[in-house]
């Protein structure tokens, strides 16, 4: 069976060069799995929900390429992106006698991808892995660029590694089973690319947001491809986030504070980012960088994507405390990805009182 119009985006970083394949029906397409590192054993890392839908398809596809294929299932959800779940992967690899040539396949959303990637980076100091993202958020963002991590009670993604995959296979057919809330969460990371890098893409998203929410295959194909192209370009220039790559965190400083403050899983990552982009745009306007009309435009699109535009109610001191833990904070001052002009972003500090004013103005009463 051949995939429909698979397209390829190549990521080139000091950590390796690899392809992102995008198209429908890629799980069953033999070409998706050709040219990967040879090994005696392939291990599929997934969760029970995704495994029930796509585990057998991937298992049979890999059986043609690897003598042994086994699976390890992790509990589903951001709340389980922790040491205990990570250890389940190591337990399986060790119990199965996996060597350093074993290839891991991350079949699932961002949580599975982050944990399988971190396990691959650290098992025997590094085994190859392949991202097989099955959520829109993972296809347009978390599966690309080699960031892997687990959460700590004191902060999100605080323990991890930069470790590039051998390939990313984005089968658009898997998005058909995505619950509407998860599809909306993924759209936050699609929308993000407009204000930071490409306002023509933002215009396109505005024109196609209803088609995207309805799961239109052609619209999703373009959204995934363009998102991956922008991310590949940014990551290629700054793999380890010493500068430019930080712009990909637009909305994330606020968003991570919401996620951690409400308890991991109460708000989905994309929901935190959606609201966070509205707050970051408003902060940009407060600093005189963009007009109020731009903030309105971002808020309207975030809302049309099915995402929250009002922040949850938390004490100001709690907001600041959570944002200070963020990896972008340096020497105690909180740094935000701000829009300097639509289509261009930069990381800048902002005074606490201004930040709190913006949050207060956008908090649900």
Protein backbone atom coordinates (compact mmCIF):
# COMPACT_ATOMS: atom_id res chain seq x y z
CA UNK A 1 0.00 0.00 0.00
CA UNK A 2 1.35 3.41 -0.92
CA UNK A 3 0.93 6.56 1.08
CA UNK A 4 -0.95 9.45 -0.49
CA UNK A 5 1.47 12.16 -1.64
CA UNK A 6 4.00 11.73 1.16
CA UNK A 7 6.21 14.79 1.42
CA UNK A 8 9.53 15.11 3.17
CA UNK A 9 11.06 17.86 5.28
CA UNK A 10 14.73 17.44 6.19
CA UNK A 11 16.17 18.56 9.51
CA UNK A 12 19.91 19.23 9.60
CA UNK A 13 21.59 19.83 12.97
CA UNK A 14 25.01 19.13 14.45
CA UNK A 15 23.24 16.26 16.25
CA UNK A 16 22.30 14.61 12.98
CA UNK A 17 20.39 14.90 9.72
CA UNK A 18 17.03 13.20 9.39
CA UNK A 19 13.80 13.25 7.45
CA UNK A 20 10.28 14.05 8.55
CA UNK A 21 7.86 12.11 6.34
CA UNK A 22 4.35 13.58 6.16
CA UNK A 23 1.35 11.92 4.51
CA UNK A 24 -1.66 9.65 4.91
CA UNK A 25 -1.21 5.89 5.31
CA UNK A 26 2.48 6.07 6.20
CA UNK A 27 2.30 3.44 8.96
CA UNK A 28 1.54 0.73 6.40
CA UNK A 29 3.92 2.10 3.75
CA UNK A 30 7.12 0.02 3.70
CA UNK A 31 9.11 3.05 2.50
CA UNK A 32 8.52 4.71 5.88
CA UNK A 33 10.72 2.15 7.61
CA UNK A 34 13.44 1.61 4.99
CA UNK A 35 16.97 2.85 5.57
CA UNK A 36 16.72 2.96 9.36
CA UNK A 37 19.52 1.64 11.60
CA UNK A 38 19.74 -2.17 11.46
CA UNK A 39 19.07 -4.01 14.71
CA UNK A 40 18.06 -7.38 16.11
CA UNK A 41 15.27 -5.80 18.12
CA UNK A 42 12.79 -2.96 17.69
CA UNK A 43 10.86 -1.72 20.71
CA UNK A 44 7.59 0.17 20.32
CA UNK A 45 6.94 2.60 23.20
CA UNK A 46 3.29 3.66 23.36
CA UNK A 47 0.31 4.03 25.68
CA UNK A 48 -2.78 1.78 25.91
CA UNK A 49 -5.06 4.17 23.99
CA UNK A 50 -2.76 4.65 20.98
CA UNK A 51 -1.55 1.05 21.07
CA UNK A 52 -5.14 -0.21 20.74
CA UNK A 53 -5.59 1.92 17.62
CA UNK A 54 -2.22 1.69 15.85
CA UNK A 55 0.08 -0.69 17.75
CA UNK A 56 -0.66 -3.73 15.60
CA UNK A 57 -0.22 -1.77 12.34
CA UNK A 58 3.22 -0.53 13.40
CA UNK A 59 4.16 -3.95 14.81
CA UNK A 60 3.41 -5.70 11.54
CA UNK A 61 5.13 -2.97 9.50
CA UNK A 62 8.30 -3.32 11.60
CA UNK A 63 8.22 -7.12 11.60
CA UNK A 64 9.39 -7.02 8.00
CA UNK A 65 12.49 -5.05 8.99
CA UNK A 66 13.42 -6.37 12.44
CA UNK A 67 13.73 -9.99 13.66
CA UNK A 68 12.14 -9.11 17.02
CA UNK A 69 9.57 -6.46 17.79
CA UNK A 70 8.28 -5.90 21.32
CA UNK A 71 6.14 -3.26 23.01
CA UNK A 72 6.16 -1.37 26.26
CA UNK A 73 3.09 0.65 27.27
CA UNK A 74 3.26 3.74 29.47
CA UNK A 75 0.32 5.22 31.35
CA UNK A 76 -1.49 7.87 29.30
CA UNK A 77 -1.20 11.56 30.15
CA UNK A 78 1.06 14.44 31.15
CA UNK A 79 0.63 13.47 34.83
CA UNK A 80 2.68 10.33 34.12
CA UNK A 81 5.59 12.02 32.35
CA UNK A 82 7.86 11.16 35.25
CA UNK A 83 10.69 8.95 36.54
CA UNK A 84 8.40 6.02 37.29
CA UNK A 85 7.10 5.81 33.74
CA UNK A 86 10.59 6.32 32.33
CA UNK A 87 11.78 3.38 34.40
CA UNK A 88 9.15 1.15 32.82
CA UNK A 89 11.03 1.62 29.53
CA UNK A 90 14.40 0.80 31.11
CA UNK A 91 12.88 -2.22 32.90
CA UNK A 92 11.61 -3.55 29.58
CA UNK A 93 14.87 -2.91 27.69
CA UNK A 94 16.95 -4.62 30.36
CA UNK A 95 14.55 -7.53 30.85
CA UNK A 96 14.53 -8.14 27.08
CA UNK A 97 18.34 -8.02 26.95
CA UNK A 98 18.32 -5.11 24.52
CA UNK A 99 21.74 -4.03 23.25
CA UNK A 100 22.95 -0.64 22.08
CA UNK A 101 21.75 -1.26 18.56
CA UNK A 102 18.12 -1.62 19.62
CA UNK A 103 15.84 0.92 17.91
CA UNK A 104 13.02 2.55 19.89
CA UNK A 105 9.83 3.65 18.13
CA UNK A 106 7.79 6.31 19.93
CA UNK A 107 4.15 5.72 18.93
CA UNK A 108 1.92 8.36 20.48
CA UNK A 109 1.72 12.01 21.40
CA UNK A 110 4.21 14.37 22.99
CA UNK A 111 4.38 12.54 26.31
CA UNK A 112 5.30 9.21 24.71
CA UNK A 113 7.73 10.94 22.32
CA UNK A 114 9.47 12.83 25.10
CA UNK A 115 9.84 9.77 27.31
CA UNK A 116 10.87 7.34 24.57
CA UNK A 117 13.38 9.91 23.31
CA UNK A 118 14.84 10.49 26.77
CA UNK A 119 15.01 6.73 27.35
CA UNK A 120 16.79 6.33 24.00
CA UNK A 121 19.23 9.12 24.86
CA UNK A 122 20.18 7.48 28.14
CA UNK A 123 19.88 3.71 27.64
CA UNK A 124 23.48 2.47 27.23
CA UNK A 125 24.31 6.17 26.69
CA UNK A 126 22.29 6.30 23.52
CA UNK A 127 20.34 4.02 21.17
CA UNK A 128 18.61 5.14 17.95
CA UNK A 129 14.94 6.09 18.03
CA UNK A 130 12.19 7.01 15.59
CA UNK A 131 9.32 9.36 16.29
CA UNK A 132 5.90 8.16 15.12
CA UNK A 133 3.71 11.02 16.37
CA UNK A 134 -0.05 10.37 16.43
CA UNK A 135 -1.28 13.75 17.71
CA UNK A 136 -1.28 17.05 15.86
CA UNK A 137 0.78 18.67 18.63
CA UNK A 138 3.49 16.02 18.36
CA UNK A 139 3.49 16.14 14.54
CA UNK A 140 3.94 19.92 14.33
CA UNK A 141 6.15 20.45 17.33
CA UNK A 142 7.31 18.02 19.99
CA UNK A 143 8.45 15.14 17.74
CA UNK A 144 10.74 17.44 15.73
CA UNK A 145 14.01 18.91 16.99
CA UNK A 146 15.28 16.41 19.52
CA UNK A 147 14.06 17.85 22.81
CA UNK A 148 13.32 15.02 25.23
CA UNK A 149 12.41 15.33 28.89
CA UNK A 150 10.32 14.34 31.86
CA UNK A 151 8.56 16.64 34.31
CA UNK A 152 9.53 17.25 37.92
CA UNK A 153 7.00 18.34 40.56
CA UNK A 154 8.87 21.66 40.70
CA UNK A 155 8.94 22.32 36.97
CA UNK A 156 8.00 21.07 33.51
CA UNK A 157 10.58 19.36 31.28
CA UNK A 158 13.35 20.07 33.78
CA UNK A 159 15.18 16.74 33.35
CA UNK A 160 16.01 15.70 29.81
CA UNK A 161 18.41 15.70 26.90
CA UNK A 162 18.82 17.05 23.38
CA UNK A 163 18.76 13.89 21.27
CA UNK A 164 17.76 13.82 17.61
CA UNK A 165 15.62 10.99 16.19
CA UNK A 166 16.70 8.90 13.20
CA UNK A 167 13.42 9.79 11.47
CA UNK A 168 9.98 11.26 12.10
CA UNK A 169 6.97 9.59 10.47
CA UNK A 170 3.81 11.74 10.56
CA UNK A 171 0.89 9.61 9.39
CA UNK A 172 -1.95 12.10 8.95
CA UNK A 173 -4.46 9.23 9.08
CA UNK A 174 -3.81 8.90 12.82
CA UNK A 175 -5.27 12.39 13.35
CA UNK A 176 -8.72 11.06 12.37
CA UNK A 177 -9.03 9.36 15.77
CA UNK A 178 -7.82 12.37 17.76
CA UNK A 179 -10.41 13.75 20.20
CA UNK A 180 -11.47 17.35 19.33
CA UNK A 181 -9.85 18.73 22.49
CA UNK A 182 -6.48 17.19 21.52
CA UNK A 183 -6.80 18.47 17.95
CA UNK A 184 -7.40 21.99 19.29
CA UNK A 185 -4.38 21.65 21.59
CA UNK A 186 -2.24 20.83 18.56
CA UNK A 187 -3.56 23.85 16.68
CA UNK A 188 -1.99 26.08 19.37
CA UNK A 189 1.46 24.95 18.24
CA UNK A 190 0.49 25.51 14.59
CA UNK A 191 -0.77 29.04 15.28
CA UNK A 192 2.47 29.81 17.17
CA UNK A 193 4.56 29.71 14.00
CA UNK A 194 2.73 32.70 12.50
CA UNK A 195 3.55 35.52 14.94
CA UNK A 196 7.16 34.32 15.44
CA UNK A 197 8.14 33.55 11.86
CA UNK A 198 5.58 33.72 9.07
CA UNK A 199 2.53 36.00 9.03
CA UNK A 200 1.50 34.67 5.59
CA UNK A 201 1.09 31.29 7.29
CA UNK A 202 -0.94 33.02 10.03
CA UNK A 203 -3.24 34.46 7.32
CA UNK A 204 -3.60 30.95 5.87
CA UNK A 205 -4.49 29.47 9.29
CA UNK A 206 -7.13 32.18 9.80
CA UNK A 207 -8.66 31.28 6.44
CA UNK A 208 -8.56 27.51 7.09
CA UNK A 209 -9.18 27.20 10.84
CA UNK A 210 -12.63 25.62 10.38
CA UNK A 211 -11.28 23.05 7.90
CA UNK A 212 -8.43 22.25 10.30
CA UNK A 213 -10.81 21.74 13.22
CA UNK A 214 -12.98 19.52 11.02
CA UNK A 215 -9.95 17.32 10.31
CA UNK A 216 -9.68 18.15 6.60
CA UNK A 217 -6.75 16.05 5.35
CA UNK A 218 -5.43 18.56 2.79
CA UNK A 219 -5.52 21.43 5.27
CA UNK A 220 -3.82 19.34 7.96
CA UNK A 221 -1.15 18.23 5.46
CA UNK A 222 -0.24 21.85 4.72
CA UNK A 223 -0.35 22.88 8.40
CA UNK A 224 1.94 20.01 9.44
CA UNK A 225 4.35 20.54 6.57
CA UNK A 226 4.71 24.32 7.00
CA UNK A 227 5.06 23.97 10.79
CA UNK A 228 7.78 21.36 10.33
CA UNK A 229 9.58 23.51 7.74
CA UNK A 230 9.71 26.49 10.09
CA UNK A 231 10.74 24.38 13.06
CA UNK A 232 13.41 22.56 11.00
CA UNK A 233 14.88 25.87 9.88
CA UNK A 234 15.03 27.26 13.42
CA UNK A 235 16.40 24.07 14.99
CA UNK A 236 18.96 23.74 12.20
CA UNK A 237 20.38 27.12 13.16
CA UNK A 238 20.24 26.62 16.94
CA UNK A 239 19.93 23.00 18.05
CA UNK A 240 20.56 23.56 21.75
CA UNK A 241 18.59 26.75 22.23
CA UNK A 242 21.42 29.17 22.90
CA UNK A 243 19.56 31.87 21.00
CA UNK A 244 17.11 31.74 18.11
CA UNK A 245 15.43 28.45 19.05
CA UNK A 246 13.93 30.08 22.14
CA UNK A 247 11.38 31.86 19.91
CA UNK A 248 9.65 28.48 19.52
CA UNK A 249 8.60 28.93 23.16
CA UNK A 250 6.16 31.72 22.28
CA UNK A 251 3.34 31.47 24.83
CA UNK A 252 5.14 28.73 26.75
CA UNK A 253 6.40 30.68 29.76
CA UNK A 254 2.83 31.59 30.68
CA UNK A 255 1.57 28.22 29.46
CA UNK A 256 3.96 26.13 31.54
CA UNK A 257 3.07 28.19 34.61
CA UNK A 258 -0.61 27.39 34.00
CA UNK A 259 0.12 23.68 33.50
CA UNK A 260 2.26 23.37 36.61
CA UNK A 261 0.03 25.64 38.70
CA UNK A 262 -3.18 23.81 37.86
CA UNK A 263 -1.54 20.37 38.14
CA UNK A 264 -0.19 18.53 35.06
CA UNK A 265 -3.06 17.31 32.91
CA UNK A 266 -5.74 19.71 34.19
CA UNK A 267 -4.98 21.96 31.22
CA UNK A 268 -3.49 20.30 28.14
CA UNK A 269 -0.11 21.66 27.04
CA UNK A 270 -1.67 23.19 23.91
CA UNK A 271 -4.39 24.85 25.98
CA UNK A 272 -1.74 26.48 28.20
CA UNK A 273 0.17 27.59 25.08
CA UNK A 274 -2.97 28.97 23.43
CA UNK A 275 -3.79 31.13 26.44
CA UNK A 276 -0.09 31.90 26.89
CA UNK A 277 0.17 33.29 23.35
CA UNK A 278 -2.66 35.72 24.10
CA UNK A 279 -0.88 36.82 27.30
CA UNK A 280 2.51 37.11 25.56
CA UNK A 281 0.93 39.15 22.72
CA UNK A 282 -0.76 41.42 25.27
CA UNK A 283 2.57 41.84 27.07
CA UNK A 284 4.19 42.74 23.73
CA UNK A 285 1.49 45.38 23.20
CA UNK A 286 1.93 46.68 26.75
CA UNK A 287 5.61 47.24 25.94
CA UNK A 288 4.66 49.14 22.78
CA UNK A 289 5.96 46.49 20.37
CA UNK A 290 2.68 45.58 18.61
CA UNK A 291 -0.69 47.32 18.30
CA UNK A 292 -3.73 46.25 20.34
CA UNK A 293 -5.37 45.09 17.10
CA UNK A 294 -2.70 42.39 16.76
CA UNK A 295 -3.50 41.05 20.24
CA UNK A 296 -7.18 40.93 19.26
CA UNK A 297 -6.31 39.01 16.12
CA UNK A 298 -4.28 36.41 18.02
CA UNK A 299 -6.98 36.05 20.68
CA UNK A 300 -9.70 35.61 18.06
CA UNK A 301 -7.78 32.88 16.24
CA UNK A 302 -6.88 31.07 19.48
CA UNK A 303 -10.57 31.14 20.44
CA UNK A 304 -11.68 29.90 17.01
CA UNK A 305 -9.22 27.03 17.39
CA UNK A 306 -11.22 25.93 20.44
CA UNK A 307 -8.66 27.08 23.00
CA UNK A 308 -8.97 29.14 26.19
CA UNK A 309 -8.12 32.84 25.99
CA UNK A 310 -8.73 33.58 29.68
CA UNK A 311 -6.10 32.60 32.23
CA UNK A 312 -7.05 30.58 35.31
CA UNK A 313 -7.15 32.43 38.60
CA UNK A 314 -3.88 32.10 40.54
CA UNK A 315 -2.27 34.51 43.02
CA UNK A 316 0.24 36.85 41.36
CA UNK A 317 3.05 35.60 43.55
CA UNK A 318 2.34 32.02 42.44
CA UNK A 319 2.49 33.04 38.75
CA UNK A 320 5.88 34.70 39.26
CA UNK A 321 7.24 31.80 41.28
CA UNK A 322 6.26 29.30 38.57
CA UNK A 323 7.66 31.44 35.77
CA UNK A 324 10.97 31.91 37.58
CA UNK A 325 11.50 28.14 37.47
CA UNK A 326 11.16 28.24 33.69
CA UNK A 327 14.35 27.29 31.81
CA UNK A 328 14.39 30.66 30.03
CA UNK A 329 14.72 32.55 33.34
CA UNK A 330 18.25 33.83 33.79
CA UNK A 331 19.67 35.37 36.93
CA UNK A 332 16.19 35.47 38.43
CA UNK A 333 14.62 37.75 35.84
CA UNK A 334 11.79 36.14 33.87
CA UNK A 335 12.31 36.28 30.12
CA UNK A 336 9.45 36.07 27.67
CA UNK A 337 9.19 35.41 23.97
CA UNK A 338 7.70 38.70 22.80
CA UNK A 339 6.51 39.70 19.34
CA UNK A 340 8.69 42.59 18.19
CA UNK A 341 6.58 42.95 15.07
CA UNK A 342 4.14 40.43 13.59
CA UNK A 343 6.29 37.63 12.14
CA UNK A 344 9.37 38.34 14.29
CA UNK A 345 9.99 37.40 17.91
CA UNK A 346 12.72 37.89 20.50
CA UNK A 347 13.36 36.86 24.08
CA UNK A 348 13.20 39.82 26.46
CA UNK A 349 12.69 40.47 30.15
CA UNK A 350 9.59 42.32 31.35
CA UNK A 351 8.93 43.99 34.71
CA UNK A 352 6.90 41.90 37.16
CA UNK A 353 4.24 44.56 37.68
CA UNK A 354 3.58 44.76 33.94
CA UNK A 355 3.34 40.98 33.69
CA UNK A 356 0.88 40.85 36.60
CA UNK A 357 -1.21 43.61 35.07
CA UNK A 358 -1.51 41.69 31.81
CA UNK A 359 -2.44 38.48 33.66
CA UNK A 360 -5.06 40.30 35.76
CA UNK A 361 -6.61 41.78 32.63
CA UNK A 362 -6.91 38.35 31.02
CA UNK A 363 -8.03 36.26 33.97
CA UNK A 364 -11.50 34.75 33.99
CA UNK A 365 -13.55 36.53 36.62
